Protein backbone atom coordinates (compact mmCIF):
# COMPACT_ATOMS: atom_id res chain seq x y z
CA GLU A 1 -14.80 -36.30 -25.22
CA SER A 2 -18.48 -36.59 -24.07
CA TRP A 3 -20.97 -38.97 -24.05
CA PRO A 4 -24.82 -38.90 -24.96
CA LEU A 5 -27.40 -38.89 -22.02
CA GLN A 6 -28.43 -41.96 -21.44
CA SER A 7 -30.95 -43.76 -18.70
CA GLY A 8 -29.53 -46.49 -16.65
CA SER A 9 -26.55 -47.62 -15.30
CA SER A 10 -23.15 -48.31 -16.91
CA SER A 11 -19.42 -48.40 -15.83
CA GLY A 12 -16.34 -47.48 -17.66
CA GLU A 13 -13.25 -44.96 -17.32
CA LEU A 14 -13.74 -41.45 -17.22
CA SER A 15 -11.36 -40.43 -20.06
CA GLY A 16 -13.15 -37.36 -20.77
CA SER A 17 -12.14 -35.49 -17.43
CA GLY A 18 -8.44 -35.45 -16.64
CA GLU A 19 -9.76 -33.70 -13.17
CA ALA A 20 -12.44 -35.86 -12.33
CA GLN A 21 -9.65 -39.16 -12.87
CA ALA A 22 -7.00 -37.63 -10.75
CA GLU A 23 -10.23 -36.99 -8.12
CA VAL A 24 -10.66 -40.45 -7.97
CA LEU A 25 -6.92 -41.53 -8.14
CA TRP A 26 -6.25 -39.51 -5.18
CA TRP A 27 -9.28 -40.59 -3.20
CA GLY A 28 -8.71 -44.04 -3.82
CA GLN A 29 -5.55 -44.25 -2.05
CA ARG A 30 -7.58 -43.72 1.29
CA PRO A 31 -10.16 -46.28 3.04
CA GLN A 32 -13.11 -44.28 1.92
CA VAL A 33 -15.29 -44.05 -1.04
CA ALA A 34 -15.38 -40.96 -3.12
CA LEU A 35 -18.41 -40.49 -5.66
CA VAL A 36 -17.66 -38.76 -9.12
CA ASN A 37 -20.68 -37.95 -11.52
CA THR A 38 -19.48 -36.46 -14.63
CA VAL A 39 -21.82 -35.78 -17.08
CA ALA A 40 -21.79 -34.27 -20.46
CA PHE A 41 -24.24 -33.43 -23.15
CA ARG A 42 -23.67 -32.80 -27.06
CA GLY A 43 -26.52 -32.72 -28.86
CA VAL A 44 -27.34 -32.41 -32.61
CA TRP A 45 -30.22 -29.64 -33.42
CA GLN A 46 -33.49 -30.96 -35.22
CA LYS A 47 -32.68 -28.17 -37.63
CA GLN A 48 -29.13 -27.36 -37.66
CA PHE A 49 -27.63 -23.95 -37.54
CA VAL A 50 -25.78 -23.07 -40.95
CA PHE A 51 -22.13 -22.19 -39.60
CA SER A 52 -21.58 -19.85 -42.56
CA ASN A 53 -24.46 -17.31 -41.15
CA THR A 54 -22.83 -17.19 -37.62
CA GLN A 55 -21.68 -13.57 -37.45
CA ASN A 56 -19.69 -11.51 -34.72
CA LEU A 57 -22.30 -9.30 -33.46
CA PRO A 58 -22.89 -7.41 -30.19
CA PHE A 59 -23.89 -8.91 -27.07
CA ILE A 60 -24.71 -6.47 -24.08
CA LEU A 61 -23.41 -7.29 -20.72
CA SER A 62 -25.16 -6.98 -17.43
CA ASP A 63 -23.38 -3.54 -17.15
CA GLY A 64 -24.31 -1.89 -20.25
CA SER A 65 -20.71 -2.75 -21.94
CA THR A 66 -20.68 -4.53 -25.46
CA ILE A 67 -18.78 -7.20 -26.31
CA LYS A 68 -18.74 -8.97 -30.00
CA VAL A 69 -19.19 -13.05 -29.87
CA PRO A 70 -19.77 -15.63 -32.46
CA MET A 71 -23.76 -15.16 -33.08
CA MET A 72 -25.76 -18.07 -34.85
CA TYR A 73 -28.68 -17.79 -37.13
CA GLN A 74 -31.64 -19.52 -38.34
CA ALA A 75 -34.83 -18.85 -39.68
CA ALA A 76 -37.27 -21.44 -38.50
CA GLU A 77 -40.76 -22.41 -37.11
CA VAL A 78 -40.32 -22.66 -33.27
CA SER A 79 -42.10 -23.04 -29.99
CA PHE A 80 -42.44 -19.41 -28.68
CA GLY A 81 -43.96 -17.24 -26.08
CA GLN A 82 -44.36 -14.22 -24.10
CA PHE A 83 -45.05 -13.73 -20.73
CA ARG A 84 -45.19 -11.26 -17.67
CA THR A 85 -44.24 -11.58 -14.29
CA ALA A 86 -46.12 -10.67 -11.16
CA SER A 87 -44.59 -7.23 -11.48
CA ASP A 88 -45.45 -6.80 -14.78
CA GLN A 89 -41.93 -7.76 -16.26
CA ARG A 90 -42.30 -8.63 -19.75
CA TYR A 91 -39.88 -11.89 -21.26
CA THR A 92 -39.76 -14.55 -23.78
CA VAL A 93 -39.29 -18.35 -23.73
CA LEU A 94 -37.63 -20.04 -27.13
CA GLU A 95 -37.81 -23.52 -27.52
CA LEU A 96 -35.48 -25.98 -29.97
CA PRO A 97 -35.91 -28.99 -30.05
CA TYR A 98 -32.68 -31.31 -30.67
CA LEU A 99 -32.33 -34.25 -32.90
CA GLY A 100 -35.54 -36.72 -32.45
CA ARG A 101 -37.37 -34.38 -30.19
CA SER A 102 -36.70 -36.18 -26.91
CA LEU A 103 -34.62 -33.37 -25.70
CA SER A 104 -35.08 -29.21 -26.21
CA LEU A 105 -33.34 -26.21 -24.96
CA GLN A 106 -35.10 -23.82 -23.48
CA ILE A 107 -34.23 -19.76 -23.72
CA VAL A 108 -35.68 -17.66 -21.54
CA LEU A 109 -34.97 -13.45 -22.38
CA PRO A 110 -35.63 -10.46 -20.53
CA SER A 111 -37.87 -8.39 -23.33
CA ASP A 112 -36.40 -5.05 -21.74
CA ARG A 113 -32.65 -4.65 -21.89
CA LYS A 114 -32.51 -2.93 -18.60
CA SER A 115 -34.03 -6.14 -16.71
CA PRO A 116 -32.17 -8.20 -14.45
CA LEU A 117 -31.73 -11.27 -15.00
CA SER A 118 -31.66 -12.62 -11.48
CA SER A 119 -35.57 -11.11 -11.21
CA LEU A 120 -36.38 -14.22 -14.00
CA GLU A 121 -34.31 -16.60 -11.95
CA SER A 122 -36.97 -17.24 -9.35
CA LEU A 123 -39.80 -18.24 -11.49
CA LEU A 124 -38.18 -21.41 -12.18
CA THR A 125 -40.97 -23.32 -10.48
CA ALA A 126 -42.36 -26.78 -11.37
CA ARG A 127 -45.68 -24.56 -11.97
CA GLN A 128 -44.51 -21.92 -14.07
CA LEU A 129 -42.42 -24.16 -16.19
CA ALA A 130 -46.11 -26.19 -17.08
CA SER A 131 -47.44 -22.51 -17.57
CA TRP A 132 -44.51 -21.94 -20.14
CA ASP A 133 -45.38 -25.27 -22.03
CA SER A 134 -48.85 -24.42 -22.47
CA GLY A 135 -47.80 -20.88 -23.24
CA LEU A 136 -46.11 -21.57 -26.14
CA ARG A 137 -46.97 -21.42 -30.14
CA ARG A 138 -45.64 -22.55 -33.43
CA THR A 139 -44.15 -19.18 -34.70
CA LYS A 140 -41.96 -18.67 -37.64
CA MET A 141 -39.15 -16.69 -36.49
CA ASP A 142 -35.33 -15.17 -37.17
CA ILE A 143 -32.89 -16.45 -34.07
CA PHE A 144 -29.88 -15.53 -33.12
CA LEU A 145 -28.23 -17.51 -30.23
CA PRO A 146 -24.50 -16.98 -29.12
CA ARG A 147 -22.31 -19.91 -29.40
CA PHE A 148 -21.62 -20.96 -26.10
CA ARG A 149 -19.93 -23.45 -23.59
CA ILE A 150 -20.58 -24.14 -19.78
CA GLN A 151 -18.28 -26.35 -18.10
CA ASN A 152 -18.41 -26.68 -14.02
CA LYS A 153 -17.55 -28.87 -11.12
CA PHE A 154 -18.22 -29.02 -7.68
CA SER A 155 -18.83 -30.82 -4.54
CA LEU A 156 -22.24 -32.43 -3.15
CA ARG A 157 -21.03 -33.36 0.27
CA SER A 158 -23.11 -30.46 1.78
CA THR A 159 -26.02 -30.76 -0.78
CA LEU A 160 -27.03 -34.25 -0.44
CA PRO A 161 -27.67 -34.41 3.31
CA ASP A 162 -30.25 -31.51 2.72
CA LEU A 163 -31.91 -34.24 0.42
CA GLY A 164 -32.19 -36.84 3.07
CA ILE A 165 -28.83 -39.19 2.03
CA SER A 166 -27.11 -38.36 5.24
CA ASP A 167 -26.05 -42.01 6.62
CA ALA A 168 -23.58 -42.63 3.64
CA PHE A 169 -21.37 -39.72 4.64
CA ASN A 170 -21.37 -41.02 8.34
CA PRO A 171 -18.33 -43.20 9.18
CA THR A 172 -20.68 -44.86 11.92
CA ALA A 173 -23.92 -45.26 10.19
CA ALA A 174 -23.07 -45.83 6.80
CA ASP A 175 -23.98 -49.40 5.74
CA PHE A 176 -22.17 -50.73 2.11
CA THR A 177 -22.22 -54.51 2.73
CA GLY A 178 -24.51 -54.79 -0.23
CA ILE A 179 -21.95 -53.57 -2.60
CA SER A 180 -18.46 -54.64 -0.62
CA VAL A 181 -17.50 -57.23 1.60
CA GLU A 182 -15.24 -54.54 3.34
CA GLU A 183 -16.49 -53.03 6.33
CA GLY A 184 -16.35 -49.66 7.73
CA LEU A 185 -16.68 -47.68 4.15
CA TYR A 186 -18.62 -44.27 3.93
CA VAL A 187 -18.68 -41.50 1.14
CA SER A 188 -15.96 -39.09 2.15
CA ASP A 189 -17.43 -37.15 -0.94
CA ALA A 190 -19.86 -36.80 -4.02
CA PHE A 191 -18.00 -34.71 -7.09
CA HIS A 192 -20.47 -33.32 -9.83
CA GLU A 193 -18.84 -32.30 -12.89
CA VAL A 194 -20.90 -30.54 -15.73
CA ARG A 195 -20.58 -29.28 -19.25
CA ILE A 196 -22.66 -28.40 -22.16
CA GLU A 197 -21.77 -27.18 -25.74
CA VAL A 198 -24.47 -24.97 -27.82
CA THR A 199 -23.03 -24.52 -31.30
CA GLU A 200 -24.66 -24.76 -35.07
CA ASP A 201 -24.65 -28.47 -35.40
CA GLY A 202 -24.19 -29.57 -31.41
CA THR A 203 -20.26 -30.43 -32.16
CA LYS A 204 -17.27 -28.06 -31.98
CA ALA A 205 -16.76 -25.96 -34.33
CA ASP A 206 -14.21 -23.02 -34.94
CA ALA A 207 -14.61 -19.39 -34.30
CA ALA A 208 -16.05 -17.20 -37.20
CA THR A 209 -14.78 -14.26 -38.30
CA ALA A 210 -16.48 -13.54 -41.64
CA MET A 211 -19.53 -11.34 -41.93
CA VAL A 212 -22.58 -12.42 -43.46
CA LEU A 213 -25.76 -10.99 -44.95
CA LEU A 214 -28.81 -11.78 -44.34
CA LYS A 215 -31.97 -11.02 -46.37
CA ARG A 216 -34.69 -9.10 -44.55
CA SER A 217 -37.31 -10.95 -43.47
CA ARG A 218 -40.44 -9.40 -41.74
CA ALA A 219 -40.60 -12.68 -39.33
CA PRO A 220 -40.41 -11.89 -35.69
CA VAL A 221 -36.83 -11.68 -34.24
CA PHE A 222 -35.53 -13.44 -31.26
CA LYS A 223 -32.26 -11.88 -30.35
CA ALA A 224 -30.34 -13.37 -27.10
CA ASP A 225 -27.95 -10.57 -27.48
CA ARG A 226 -28.12 -9.96 -23.47
CA PRO A 227 -27.91 -12.35 -20.61
CA PHE A 228 -30.25 -15.08 -20.74
CA LEU A 229 -31.09 -18.47 -18.97
CA PHE A 230 -30.98 -21.64 -20.59
CA LEU A 231 -32.92 -24.86 -19.85
CA LEU A 232 -32.20 -28.20 -21.18
CA ARG A 233 -35.52 -30.60 -20.85
CA GLN A 234 -36.65 -33.86 -21.78
CA VAL A 235 -40.18 -32.98 -23.70
CA ASN A 236 -42.38 -35.70 -22.61
CA THR A 237 -41.86 -35.26 -18.41
CA GLY A 238 -40.58 -32.04 -18.60
CA SER A 239 -37.32 -33.00 -16.48
CA ILE A 240 -34.34 -30.35 -16.60
CA PHE A 241 -31.38 -32.05 -17.23
CA PHE A 242 -29.08 -29.14 -17.54
CA MET A 243 -29.90 -25.30 -16.04
CA GLY A 244 -27.84 -22.24 -16.05
CA ARG A 245 -27.08 -18.68 -17.03
CA ILE A 246 -25.31 -16.93 -20.00
CA MET A 247 -24.22 -13.71 -18.49
CA ASN A 248 -20.82 -13.39 -21.20
CA PRO A 249 -20.57 -16.12 -23.86
CA ALA A 250 -17.25 -14.46 -24.34
CA GLU A 251 -15.64 -16.07 -21.17
CA GLN A 252 -17.12 -19.57 -22.16
CA LEU A 253 -16.66 -19.94 -26.16
CA ILE A 254 -15.43 -22.94 -27.39
């Protein structure tokens, strides 16, 4: 189970994550506070991929070996740009809008199959993201994108103090009297769990096994058949909600 991205505060049961529930129950038995942040995104494309066009196609792993993965396809006019790094490494950026166009998924793909994805990760700065936004142009393209799912959970206990949130974790300095009459409360841990699914229509889909013949096209081709970066961003502010790398879609298939 998942929830759409929303702003503001809300409360309710963490019914979508049994592990998160177990974490809360375990910590709740002790005289301390645990923060659990569970975020799931399941978006619907502005233009959906047609499920019958999904084929099992090759995906080249970083070690040069090849596997077969369900590869989605659509022909569409999208925002697309070609860029170069300071070391003259070429790469492309494709942007796919979600329904309502308030959110979009950006795919960052090295042009050279032998270029390591790590060489592009250092480019993820606010200035570079702004240059992508200004450098994208509307282009009619044939788009191939593997279906994938990412899920991860980790503790923010060592990260938040680096961002200036330190007193909350200190039993002698924490002050939660504004939210509880009980004294001596402090944050013992903070967990963050995230999940994103990218499928034909934004919902869970069965694996495709049939091969489909597609008409030849003279349109440029964007084919994410090797490791790539993805960023889920808010269009009007440029804020990043999710970001990650896809090294092997087969390890994260729905």
